[in-house]
Amino acid sequence: MVRKSTVPVTQRTPGRKSIKPQQERSTATREKLIKAAIKVLAKHGYADFTTSAVADQAKVSRGALQYHFETRDDILIAARNSVGADLDLKWSNEELLELSIPERIRLVVGHYWKVISSPRYIAAIEVRLYERFNPVMHKTLVSKMNWHTEQRNNTWALIFSDSGLPREQLISYRLFVLDTLRGLALRRIEQGPKHDVSPQLEILTSLLIDRLDQGSSASAEAQS
């Protein structure tokens, strides 16, 4: 007679239960190291950036750092990509399109400025100044940034499609906004964080509203 197994069907192989928590801890450690790298870059700059300083900031061992990032450049790339991801919009296209064009513009420009004026973005600038002399790193970052830029351009063109303006013109306005905000951020770095750039931000926002909302009105008139 074949005896039935008395092992419960829910019983798991010993040791398997700890796999998921271990993976989660590994992911958490990697994110902790990236955040630490960004803090070191923002506070001390690239010139004083060391993996030892990152490990100390993250409160992890040098071995743990090397497990996740084999080289110094690897963690610099991860830090730059992490800051770049901050520019992604927090709202869905559907949510944005429910707003008026002026409301959309103020929301998106405000989001961009919050990112670009942050200490995290200073860290990204530090990486950018360094990687231009590092061909391999430059190629890696530019490829990633170009992909993200294209995706964000597509989103911008979609959420302002009701402006009636051509896609190429809409994208030009987006790049103009980003270039202006970066310039204001550099001015803040030079003059200090208390330097008031709100008048320039209002001019930029009002100019964009005038161009995009005007285009929407002209398009509506042409269709009527």
Protein backbone atom coordinates (compact mmCIF):
# COMPACT_ATOMS: atom_id res chain seq x y z
CA MET A 1 0.00 0.00 0.00
CA VAL A 2 1.28 3.45 -0.92
CA ARG A 3 1.22 5.69 2.09
CA LYS A 4 0.10 9.29 1.63
CA SER A 5 2.52 11.99 2.54
CA THR A 6 1.81 13.62 5.86
CA VAL A 7 3.74 16.78 4.89
CA PRO A 8 1.28 19.72 4.67
CA VAL A 9 0.94 21.05 1.12
CA THR A 10 1.70 24.57 2.38
CA GLN A 11 5.08 23.56 3.79
CA ARG A 12 7.96 25.37 2.07
CA THR A 13 11.51 24.35 1.45
CA PRO A 14 13.67 25.43 4.40
CA GLY A 15 15.37 28.77 3.77
CA ARG A 16 13.07 29.90 0.96
CA LYS A 17 10.98 31.99 3.32
CA SER A 18 13.82 34.48 3.80
CA ILE A 19 14.47 35.11 0.09
CA LYS A 20 12.00 37.95 -0.41
CA PRO A 21 12.97 39.90 2.74
CA GLN A 22 16.62 39.49 1.75
CA GLN A 23 15.91 40.91 -1.71
CA GLU A 24 14.00 43.78 -0.17
CA ARG A 25 16.90 44.52 2.16
CA SER A 26 19.28 44.48 -0.79
CA THR A 27 17.10 46.94 -2.73
CA ALA A 28 16.77 49.16 0.34
CA THR A 29 20.55 49.19 0.81
CA ARG A 30 21.10 50.14 -2.83
CA GLU A 31 18.63 53.02 -2.57
CA LYS A 32 20.24 54.13 0.69
CA LEU A 33 23.62 54.24 -1.04
CA ILE A 34 22.25 56.28 -3.97
CA LYS A 35 20.67 58.79 -1.59
CA ALA A 36 23.92 58.98 0.35
CA ALA A 37 25.91 59.59 -2.85
CA ILE A 38 23.56 62.44 -3.78
CA LYS A 39 23.97 64.01 -0.33
CA VAL A 40 27.77 63.78 -0.51
CA LEU A 41 27.81 65.33 -4.00
CA ALA A 42 25.46 68.15 -3.01
CA LYS A 43 27.35 68.96 0.19
CA HIS A 44 30.98 68.42 -0.81
CA GLY A 45 30.99 68.46 -4.62
CA TYR A 46 32.59 66.03 -7.03
CA ALA A 47 36.14 67.02 -6.04
CA ASP A 48 35.67 65.61 -2.53
CA PHE A 49 33.43 62.73 -3.54
CA THR A 50 34.70 59.35 -2.34
CA THR A 51 33.08 55.95 -2.00
CA SER A 52 34.23 55.89 1.63
CA ALA A 53 32.28 59.08 2.30
CA VAL A 54 29.21 57.51 0.66
CA ALA A 55 29.49 54.35 2.77
CA ASP A 56 29.87 56.44 5.93
CA GLN A 57 26.87 58.61 4.99
CA ALA A 58 24.76 55.51 4.31
CA LYS A 59 26.08 53.78 7.43
CA VAL A 60 26.98 50.63 5.54
CA SER A 61 30.24 48.74 5.09
CA ARG A 62 32.64 49.31 2.18
CA GLY A 63 31.93 45.74 1.15
CA ALA A 64 28.21 46.41 0.92
CA LEU A 65 28.89 49.40 -1.29
CA GLN A 66 31.16 47.42 -3.60
CA TYR A 67 28.55 44.67 -3.83
CA HIS A 68 26.05 47.12 -5.32
CA PHE A 69 28.46 49.41 -7.18
CA GLU A 70 31.73 47.96 -8.40
CA THR A 71 33.25 51.31 -9.37
CA ARG A 72 33.01 54.96 -8.39
CA ASP A 73 31.53 55.79 -11.78
CA ASP A 74 28.77 53.20 -11.28
CA ILE A 75 27.41 54.98 -8.23
CA LEU A 76 27.79 58.39 -9.88
CA ILE A 77 25.70 57.18 -12.82
CA ALA A 78 23.07 55.76 -10.47
CA ALA A 79 22.94 59.06 -8.55
CA ARG A 80 22.55 61.08 -11.75
CA ASN A 81 19.80 58.79 -13.04
CA SER A 82 17.97 58.97 -9.72
CA VAL A 83 17.88 62.78 -9.81
CA GLY A 84 16.86 62.73 -13.47
CA ALA A 85 13.84 60.59 -12.60
CA ASP A 86 12.62 63.37 -10.28
CA LEU A 87 11.53 65.35 -13.35
CA ASP A 88 8.87 62.77 -14.21
CA LEU A 89 5.43 64.25 -13.61
CA LYS A 90 3.45 62.96 -10.63
CA TRP A 91 0.08 63.26 -12.34
CA SER A 92 -1.48 61.20 -15.10
CA ASN A 93 -2.16 62.75 -18.50
CA GLU A 94 -5.88 62.40 -17.83
CA GLU A 95 -5.63 64.32 -14.56
CA LEU A 96 -3.69 67.14 -16.19
CA LEU A 97 -6.02 67.43 -19.15
CA GLU A 98 -8.93 68.01 -16.78
CA LEU A 99 -7.27 71.30 -15.78
CA SER A 100 -7.19 74.52 -17.77
CA ILE A 101 -4.01 75.31 -19.71
CA PRO A 102 -2.91 78.00 -17.20
CA GLU A 103 -3.45 75.57 -14.32
CA ARG A 104 -1.49 72.87 -16.11
CA ILE A 105 1.39 75.23 -16.83
CA ARG A 106 1.64 76.45 -13.25
CA LEU A 107 1.54 72.88 -11.95
CA VAL A 108 4.19 71.53 -14.34
CA VAL A 109 6.53 74.54 -14.15
CA GLY A 110 6.21 74.46 -10.36
CA HIS A 111 7.14 70.78 -10.34
CA TYR A 112 10.16 71.36 -12.60
CA TRP A 113 11.36 74.22 -10.43
CA LYS A 114 10.98 72.20 -7.23
CA VAL A 115 13.31 69.58 -8.71
CA ILE A 116 15.82 71.91 -10.39
CA SER A 117 16.16 74.19 -7.35
CA SER A 118 16.73 71.27 -4.97
CA PRO A 119 20.04 70.11 -3.43
CA ARG A 120 19.58 66.85 -5.31
CA TYR A 121 19.84 68.70 -8.60
CA ILE A 122 23.11 70.29 -7.46
CA ALA A 123 24.42 66.74 -7.16
CA ALA A 124 23.35 66.08 -10.76
CA ILE A 125 25.21 69.20 -11.90
CA GLU A 126 28.35 67.99 -10.14
CA VAL A 127 28.15 64.68 -12.04
CA ARG A 128 27.47 66.51 -15.30
CA LEU A 129 30.58 68.67 -14.91
CA TYR A 130 32.69 65.58 -14.31
CA GLU A 131 31.29 63.18 -16.90
CA ARG A 132 32.01 65.52 -19.85
CA PHE A 133 35.67 64.49 -19.44
CA ASN A 134 34.80 60.80 -19.14
CA PRO A 135 33.82 59.50 -22.63
CA VAL A 136 32.45 56.15 -21.44
CA MET A 137 30.39 57.64 -18.65
CA HIS A 138 29.24 60.48 -20.90
CA LYS A 139 27.97 58.04 -23.51
CA THR A 140 26.07 56.04 -20.91
CA LEU A 141 24.40 59.06 -19.34
CA VAL A 142 23.60 60.87 -22.59
CA SER A 143 21.93 57.76 -24.00
CA LYS A 144 19.75 57.48 -20.89
CA MET A 145 18.98 61.21 -20.78
CA ASN A 146 18.05 61.34 -24.46
CA TRP A 147 15.58 58.50 -23.97
CA HIS A 148 13.96 60.23 -20.99
CA THR A 149 13.89 63.56 -22.81
CA GLU A 150 12.02 62.00 -25.69
CA GLN A 151 9.47 60.42 -23.33
CA ARG A 152 8.93 63.70 -21.48
CA ASN A 153 8.66 65.61 -24.74
CA ASN A 154 5.93 63.19 -25.80
CA THR A 155 4.08 63.74 -22.53
CA TRP A 156 4.40 67.53 -22.81
CA ALA A 157 3.10 67.50 -26.39
CA LEU A 158 0.15 65.38 -25.30
CA ILE A 159 -0.90 67.38 -22.24
CA PHE A 160 -0.75 70.62 -24.24
CA SER A 161 -2.16 69.22 -27.47
CA ASP A 162 -5.27 71.36 -27.01
CA SER A 163 -3.13 74.51 -27.34
CA GLY A 164 -3.42 74.15 -31.11
CA LEU A 165 0.35 74.65 -31.53
CA PRO A 166 2.55 72.31 -33.61
CA ARG A 167 4.46 69.62 -31.72
CA GLU A 168 7.84 71.11 -32.66
CA GLN A 169 6.85 74.46 -31.20
CA LEU A 170 5.50 72.89 -28.03
CA ILE A 171 8.76 70.99 -27.50
CA SER A 172 10.75 74.18 -28.05
CA TYR A 173 8.74 75.85 -25.28
CA ARG A 174 9.45 72.94 -22.93
CA LEU A 175 13.19 73.10 -23.56
CA PHE A 176 13.09 76.88 -23.13
CA VAL A 177 11.40 76.44 -19.75
CA LEU A 178 14.00 73.92 -18.58
CA ASP A 179 16.93 76.04 -19.77
CA THR A 180 15.50 79.10 -18.01
CA LEU A 181 14.92 77.22 -14.76
CA ARG A 182 18.47 75.83 -14.84
CA GLY A 183 19.78 79.36 -15.26
CA LEU A 184 17.76 80.55 -12.27
CA ALA A 185 19.02 77.60 -10.23
CA LEU A 186 22.63 78.55 -11.04
CA ARG A 187 21.91 82.13 -9.99
CA ARG A 188 20.61 80.80 -6.68
CA ILE A 189 23.81 78.79 -6.26
CA GLU A 190 25.89 81.90 -6.91
CA GLN A 191 23.83 84.31 -4.81
CA GLY A 192 22.74 81.92 -2.09
CA PRO A 193 19.53 79.95 -1.41
CA LYS A 194 17.74 83.04 -0.03
CA HIS A 195 18.10 84.89 -3.34
CA ASP A 196 14.58 85.62 -4.61
CA VAL A 197 13.87 84.53 -8.17
CA SER A 198 10.08 84.53 -7.85
CA PRO A 199 9.67 87.55 -10.22
CA GLN A 200 11.55 85.69 -12.97
CA LEU A 201 9.51 82.55 -12.33
CA GLU A 202 6.29 84.52 -12.67
CA ILE A 203 7.49 86.12 -15.91
CA LEU A 204 8.37 82.70 -17.31
CA THR A 205 5.05 81.18 -16.28
CA SER A 206 3.01 84.12 -17.58
CA LEU A 207 4.88 84.09 -20.88
CA LEU A 208 4.18 80.39 -21.35
CA ILE A 209 0.51 80.80 -20.44
CA ASP A 210 0.21 83.65 -22.94
CA ARG A 211 1.72 81.61 -25.76
CA LEU A 212 -0.05 78.31 -25.14
CA ASP A 213 -3.43 79.64 -24.06
CA GLN A 214 -3.41 82.12 -26.91
CA GLY A 215 -2.76 79.27 -29.31
CA SER A 216 -5.73 77.41 -27.84
CA SER A 217 -8.02 80.43 -28.34
CA ALA A 218 -6.82 80.94 -31.91
CA SER A 219 -7.43 77.27 -32.69
CA ALA A 220 -10.96 77.43 -31.25
CA GLU A 221 -11.77 80.54 -33.27
CA ALA A 222 -10.52 78.93 -36.48
CA GLN A 223 -12.78 75.91 -35.88
CA SER A 224 -15.88 78.02 -35.10
